[in-house]
């Protein structure tokens, strides 16, 4: 096998092209497989071939187990409503929305998007497209269902979308993936609810404000707390007013915390998949089933290759 095959294998493994980038956890073993196949084909025989094929089998086995685990997690995680979802790893489904403020504009066409990835290639002197760069947004977006909304931090996520555009400008080719407003989304990740304690006033400050408001209406204050009818608020009556103000402050605090609570979905810390997908759940599983089949097939081929080469005498074990 000519050396050019090894060079092609290296290019495949190192170029972060868009189709594989959507399945980032699979791109690495896929590229390693091509490198090992190229190395084995270039060496032809000897201990190096045996080592390359055995490494290929190990990589394929590990990748198959990883793909199978991801597929099982996607299948076993039920879809929850945002406001009733438990803390931790969840699956949420709704529509994408932009955060308030300046919109995120795609560098591809200047249009507002929720997320984008722009893959850039340049044509060389022989007419082949060579990888140049890749730009991916990391701005947060909102997911909304009929129960509420949550913030999605897409950093580290595998983003799946069918919205793809390709354009050639002179010797440059641009491939653009995006998520847009109101697009149906499925999100699997770690949900954490940030309560509003740090955003609201302390209880003591709220009590002072409540008492100050009550003092503005002296007639109402006397009606509520002047128990002996002397048109004065004595020390005991004022203690009663403070106790009632504390209860009112707690009630306001709970309402403020509930209003200020923010649901945030981020990348899990335990290596479970973090996925933001604009495709339907059944379709999301298809690529992972394909990866399982691919890695299992490559593992079996590697094992068969070792056996066949050993029996034919082309491969001498070290």
Protein backbone atom coordinates (compact mmCIF):
# COMPACT_ATOMS: atom_id res chain seq x y z
CA UNK A 1 0.00 0.00 0.00
CA UNK A 2 1.51 3.37 -0.95
CA UNK A 3 2.46 5.96 1.59
CA UNK A 4 -0.27 8.27 0.27
CA UNK A 5 -2.88 6.10 2.02
CA UNK A 6 -1.22 6.83 5.36
CA UNK A 7 -1.23 10.54 4.56
CA UNK A 8 -4.92 10.41 3.68
CA UNK A 9 -5.64 8.58 6.94
CA UNK A 10 -3.81 11.24 8.93
CA UNK A 11 -5.77 14.00 7.18
CA UNK A 12 -9.06 12.25 7.95
CA UNK A 13 -8.20 11.88 11.63
CA UNK A 14 -6.94 15.40 12.18
CA UNK A 15 -9.42 17.49 10.17
CA UNK A 16 -12.34 18.46 12.42
CA UNK A 17 -14.83 18.42 9.57
CA UNK A 18 -18.47 19.09 10.29
CA UNK A 19 -20.02 15.65 9.85
CA UNK A 20 -17.84 14.14 12.54
CA UNK A 21 -17.83 17.24 14.73
CA UNK A 22 -21.51 16.70 15.42
CA UNK A 23 -20.48 13.45 17.13
CA UNK A 24 -17.30 14.69 18.79
CA UNK A 25 -16.99 11.67 21.08
CA UNK A 26 -16.88 9.44 17.99
CA UNK A 27 -14.57 11.53 15.81
CA UNK A 28 -11.45 10.68 17.82
CA UNK A 29 -11.70 6.85 17.67
CA UNK A 30 -12.83 7.05 14.04
CA UNK A 31 -9.72 9.03 13.15
CA UNK A 32 -7.45 6.74 15.19
CA UNK A 33 -8.86 3.75 13.35
CA UNK A 34 -7.92 5.27 9.99
CA UNK A 35 -4.42 6.10 11.24
CA UNK A 36 -3.85 2.54 12.49
CA UNK A 37 -5.16 1.05 9.25
CA UNK A 38 -2.81 3.32 7.32
CA UNK A 39 0.15 2.36 9.51
CA UNK A 40 -0.58 -1.36 9.15
CA UNK A 41 -0.96 -1.06 5.37
CA UNK A 42 2.31 0.86 5.10
CA UNK A 43 4.35 -1.56 7.22
CA UNK A 44 3.10 -4.65 5.34
CA UNK A 45 4.49 -7.19 7.85
CA UNK A 46 6.32 -7.72 11.12
CA UNK A 47 5.70 -6.84 14.73
CA UNK A 48 4.60 -3.32 13.81
CA UNK A 49 1.63 -4.66 11.84
CA UNK A 50 0.64 -6.94 14.72
CA UNK A 51 0.81 -4.05 17.17
CA UNK A 52 -1.19 -1.71 14.87
CA UNK A 53 -3.95 -4.28 14.37
CA UNK A 54 -4.17 -5.11 18.07
CA UNK A 55 -4.36 -1.41 18.92
CA UNK A 56 -7.07 -1.08 16.29
CA UNK A 57 -9.07 -3.87 17.95
CA UNK A 58 -8.71 -2.25 21.38
CA UNK A 59 -9.75 1.19 20.09
CA UNK A 60 -12.77 -0.29 18.32
CA UNK A 61 -13.85 -2.20 21.43
CA UNK A 62 -13.60 0.88 23.67
CA UNK A 63 -15.41 3.04 21.08
CA UNK A 64 -18.18 0.44 20.71
CA UNK A 65 -18.73 0.36 24.47
CA UNK A 66 -18.82 4.17 24.56
CA UNK A 67 -21.35 4.39 21.71
CA UNK A 68 -23.51 1.70 23.28
CA UNK A 69 -23.46 3.52 26.63
CA UNK A 70 -24.52 6.80 24.99
CA UNK A 71 -27.34 5.07 23.12
CA UNK A 72 -28.56 3.41 26.32
CA UNK A 73 -28.52 6.73 28.20
CA UNK A 74 -30.52 8.49 25.47
CA UNK A 75 -33.06 5.65 25.46
CA UNK A 76 -33.36 5.35 29.25
CA UNK A 77 -33.64 9.07 30.12
CA UNK A 78 -37.32 10.14 30.16
CA UNK A 79 -38.28 13.58 28.89
CA UNK A 80 -39.24 15.91 31.76
CA UNK A 81 -41.06 19.23 31.95
CA UNK A 82 -38.74 22.11 32.80
CA UNK A 83 -40.37 23.37 36.01
CA UNK A 84 -40.91 19.88 37.45
CA UNK A 85 -37.63 18.28 36.37
CA UNK A 86 -35.43 16.82 39.09
CA UNK A 87 -31.99 18.26 39.69
CA UNK A 88 -29.24 16.38 37.88
CA UNK A 89 -29.14 14.61 34.55
CA UNK A 90 -32.34 15.20 32.56
CA UNK A 91 -33.85 15.21 29.09
CA UNK A 92 -35.89 18.28 28.20
CA UNK A 93 -37.89 19.08 25.10
CA UNK A 94 -39.24 22.42 23.91
CA UNK A 95 -38.55 25.29 21.56
CA UNK A 96 -35.42 27.36 21.34
CA UNK A 97 -35.50 31.05 22.13
CA UNK A 98 -32.91 33.79 22.26
CA UNK A 99 -31.88 35.47 25.50
CA UNK A 100 -32.90 39.06 25.98
CA UNK A 101 -30.44 41.64 24.69
CA UNK A 102 -28.37 41.82 21.56
CA UNK A 103 -29.02 38.87 19.20
CA UNK A 104 -26.33 36.39 18.23
CA UNK A 105 -25.47 37.01 14.57
CA UNK A 106 -23.96 34.34 12.37
CA UNK A 107 -20.68 35.32 10.66
CA UNK A 108 -21.85 33.32 7.62
CA UNK A 109 -24.80 35.50 6.62
CA UNK A 110 -25.29 38.03 9.43
CA UNK A 111 -28.67 36.54 10.38
CA UNK A 112 -29.77 36.12 14.03
CA UNK A 113 -29.32 32.55 15.30
CA UNK A 114 -29.34 30.69 18.60
CA UNK A 115 -26.15 28.77 17.77
CA UNK A 116 -23.85 28.31 14.79
CA UNK A 117 -20.84 26.39 13.56
CA UNK A 118 -18.87 27.64 10.55
CA UNK A 119 -16.40 25.30 8.86
CA UNK A 120 -13.97 26.94 6.40
CA UNK A 121 -11.95 25.21 3.67
CA UNK A 122 -9.62 26.55 0.96
CA UNK A 123 -8.96 25.09 -2.48
CA UNK A 124 -5.30 24.26 -3.07
CA UNK A 125 -3.39 24.34 -6.37
CA UNK A 126 -4.59 20.81 -7.21
CA UNK A 127 -8.24 21.67 -6.69
CA UNK A 128 -8.60 19.84 -3.35
CA UNK A 129 -10.34 21.39 -0.38
CA UNK A 130 -8.07 21.83 2.65
CA UNK A 131 -9.27 22.55 6.17
CA UNK A 132 -8.67 26.15 7.31
CA UNK A 133 -10.63 26.88 10.44
CA UNK A 134 -13.79 26.28 12.40
CA UNK A 135 -15.76 28.76 14.45
CA UNK A 136 -18.47 27.71 16.89
CA UNK A 137 -20.61 29.93 19.10
CA UNK A 138 -20.73 29.42 22.86
CA UNK A 139 -23.49 31.92 23.70
CA UNK A 140 -26.30 30.69 25.94
CA UNK A 141 -29.84 30.18 24.64
CA UNK A 142 -33.25 29.48 26.14
CA UNK A 143 -35.35 26.33 25.99
CA UNK A 144 -39.06 26.85 26.61
CA UNK A 145 -41.95 24.42 27.13
CA UNK A 146 -45.49 24.87 28.45
CA UNK A 147 -44.26 24.79 32.07
CA UNK A 148 -41.42 27.30 31.92
CA UNK A 149 -38.01 27.95 30.50
CA UNK A 150 -34.36 27.22 31.20
CA UNK A 151 -30.98 28.50 30.06
CA UNK A 152 -28.81 26.20 27.94
CA UNK A 153 -25.04 26.67 28.08
CA UNK A 154 -23.91 24.88 24.87
CA UNK A 155 -20.21 24.78 25.73
CA UNK A 156 -19.03 21.18 25.34
CA UNK A 157 -22.30 19.98 23.79
CA UNK A 158 -22.76 17.75 20.78
CA UNK A 159 -25.11 19.84 18.66
CA UNK A 160 -27.25 18.06 16.08
CA UNK A 161 -29.08 20.08 13.48
CA UNK A 162 -30.41 19.50 9.98
CA UNK A 163 -30.09 23.19 9.10
CA UNK A 164 -26.96 23.25 6.94
CA UNK A 165 -25.81 25.65 4.22
CA UNK A 166 -22.76 25.49 1.94
CA UNK A 167 -21.39 28.34 -0.16
CA UNK A 168 -18.28 28.73 -2.32
CA UNK A 169 -16.73 32.19 -2.54
CA UNK A 170 -13.70 32.34 -4.84
CA UNK A 171 -11.31 29.68 -3.50
CA UNK A 172 -13.06 29.38 -0.12
CA UNK A 173 -15.83 26.98 0.82
CA UNK A 174 -17.99 27.68 3.86
CA UNK A 175 -20.23 25.11 5.53
CA UNK A 176 -22.65 26.52 8.08
CA UNK A 177 -24.79 24.72 10.67
CA UNK A 178 -27.22 26.64 12.86
CA UNK A 179 -30.07 26.58 15.37
CA UNK A 180 -32.70 29.27 14.91
CA UNK A 181 -35.49 30.87 16.94
CA UNK A 182 -38.51 28.67 17.82
CA UNK A 183 -36.78 25.53 16.50
CA UNK A 184 -37.90 22.36 18.36
CA UNK A 185 -35.03 21.15 20.55
CA UNK A 186 -34.20 18.10 22.64
CA UNK A 187 -31.57 18.67 25.34
CA UNK A 188 -29.81 16.08 27.50
CA UNK A 189 -27.55 17.48 30.18
CA UNK A 190 -27.15 18.41 33.83
CA UNK A 191 -29.94 20.60 35.23
CA UNK A 192 -29.18 22.95 38.10
CA UNK A 193 -31.64 25.45 39.51
CA UNK A 194 -30.06 28.68 40.73
CA UNK A 195 -32.25 30.15 43.45
CA UNK A 196 -32.63 33.87 43.89
CA UNK A 197 -31.12 34.18 47.38
CA UNK A 198 -28.15 36.10 46.10
CA UNK A 199 -30.36 38.28 43.94
CA UNK A 200 -32.95 39.37 46.55
CA UNK A 201 -32.62 41.50 49.64
CA UNK A 202 -31.90 40.05 53.05
CA UNK A 203 -34.84 39.30 55.31
CA UNK A 204 -33.90 42.07 57.78
CA UNK A 205 -33.90 44.69 55.02
CA UNK A 206 -37.26 43.43 53.81
CA UNK A 207 -38.73 43.69 57.33
CA UNK A 208 -37.59 47.32 57.54
CA UNK A 209 -39.21 48.09 54.21
CA UNK A 210 -42.48 46.42 55.24
CA UNK A 211 -42.61 48.37 58.52
CA UNK A 212 -41.76 51.62 56.72
CA UNK A 213 -44.66 51.03 54.30
CA UNK A 214 -47.05 50.34 57.18
CA UNK A 215 -46.00 53.57 58.95
CA UNK A 216 -47.08 55.53 55.90
CA UNK A 217 -50.69 54.55 56.65
CA UNK A 218 -51.04 55.29 60.37
CA UNK A 219 -54.80 54.67 60.47
CA UNK A 220 -54.37 51.16 59.08
CA UNK A 221 -51.43 50.55 61.43
CA UNK A 222 -53.54 51.49 64.46
CA UNK A 223 -56.47 49.40 63.24
CA UNK A 224 -54.30 46.31 63.00
CA UNK A 225 -52.05 46.62 66.05
CA UNK A 226 -53.59 49.09 68.59
CA UNK A 227 -55.04 46.40 70.80
CA UNK A 228 -55.91 48.64 73.82
CA UNK A 229 -57.43 51.41 71.71
CA UNK A 230 -55.33 54.28 73.09
CA UNK A 231 -54.41 55.45 69.57
CA UNK A 232 -50.75 54.64 70.29
CA UNK A 233 -48.52 51.72 69.40
CA UNK A 234 -46.81 50.67 72.64
CA UNK A 235 -43.82 48.36 72.93
CA UNK A 236 -45.83 45.13 73.11
CA UNK A 237 -47.99 46.15 70.15
CA UNK A 238 -44.91 47.13 68.17
CA UNK A 239 -43.37 43.70 68.87
CA UNK A 240 -46.53 42.18 67.42
CA UNK A 241 -46.19 44.43 64.36
CA UNK A 242 -42.56 43.36 63.88
CA UNK A 243 -43.51 39.67 64.11
CA UNK A 244 -46.21 40.17 61.50
CA UNK A 245 -43.75 42.12 59.33
CA UNK A 246 -41.30 39.19 59.54
CA UNK A 247 -44.01 36.81 58.32
CA UNK A 248 -44.80 39.18 55.46
CA UNK A 249 -41.08 39.49 54.64
CA UNK A 250 -40.70 35.71 54.51
CA UNK A 251 -43.71 35.45 52.19
CA UNK A 252 -42.27 38.11 49.88
CA UNK A 253 -38.88 36.42 50.02
CA UNK A 254 -40.30 33.06 48.92
CA UNK A 255 -42.19 34.71 46.06
CA UNK A 256 -39.08 36.63 44.99
CA UNK A 257 -36.91 33.50 45.10
CA UNK A 258 -39.39 31.55 43.00
CA UNK A 259 -39.53 34.36 40.47
CA UNK A 260 -35.76 34.76 40.37
CA UNK A 261 -35.01 31.03 40.17
CA UNK A 262 -33.12 30.17 36.99
CA UNK A 263 -32.90 26.68 35.52
CA UNK A 264 -29.53 26.07 33.88
CA UNK A 265 -28.51 23.05 31.78
CA UNK A 266 -24.77 22.45 31.39
CA UNK A 267 -22.29 19.75 30.48
CA UNK A 268 -22.39 16.90 33.04
CA UNK A 269 -19.29 16.24 35.15
CA UNK A 270 -19.63 12.43 34.97
CA UNK A 271 -18.95 11.91 31.25
CA UNK A 272 -22.60 11.36 30.37
CA UNK A 273 -23.50 12.82 26.97
CA UNK A 274 -24.37 16.50 26.67
CA UNK A 275 -26.57 16.84 23.60
CA UNK A 276 -28.51 19.71 22.05
CA UNK A 277 -30.51 18.32 19.17
CA UNK A 278 -32.91 19.80 16.65
CA UNK A 279 -33.80 16.33 15.33
CA UNK A 280 -36.52 14.09 16.70
CA UNK A 281 -35.58 11.64 19.48
CA UNK A 282 -35.90 8.55 17.28
CA UNK A 283 -33.70 10.13 14.64
CA UNK A 284 -31.14 11.20 17.23
CA UNK A 285 -30.54 7.54 18.09
CA UNK A 286 -29.79 6.52 14.50
CA UNK A 287 -26.20 7.87 14.32
CA UNK A 288 -25.27 6.17 17.59
CA UNK A 289 -26.69 2.88 16.35
CA UNK A 290 -24.58 3.38 13.23
CA UNK A 291 -21.45 4.06 15.31
CA UNK A 292 -22.12 0.91 17.37
CA UNK A 293 -22.38 -1.14 14.19
CA UNK A 294 -19.25 0.48 12.70
CA UNK A 295 -17.03 -0.02 15.75
CA UNK A 296 -18.26 -3.61 16.28
CA UNK A 297 -17.60 -4.44 12.63
CA UNK A 298 -14.10 -2.93 12.73
CA UNK A 299 -13.33 -4.85 15.93
CA UNK A 300 -14.38 -8.14 14.34
CA UNK A 301 -12.41 -7.38 11.16
CA UNK A 302 -9.30 -6.62 13.22
CA UNK A 303 -9.63 -9.91 15.10
CA UNK A 304 -10.22 -11.85 11.88
CA UNK A 305 -7.24 -10.11 10.24
CA UNK A 306 -4.91 -11.20 13.02
CA UNK A 307 -6.12 -14.80 12.75
CA UNK A 308 -5.90 -14.92 8.94
CA UNK A 309 -2.48 -13.29 8.75
CA UNK A 310 -1.12 -15.62 11.42
CA UNK A 311 -2.43 -18.75 9.66
CA UNK A 312 -1.07 -17.67 6.29
CA UNK A 313 2.33 -16.91 7.80
CA UNK A 314 2.24 -13.26 6.75
CA UNK A 315 2.12 -12.13 10.36
CA UNK A 316 4.65 -13.45 12.84
CA UNK A 317 3.70 -12.80 16.43
CA UNK A 318 6.51 -11.15 18.47
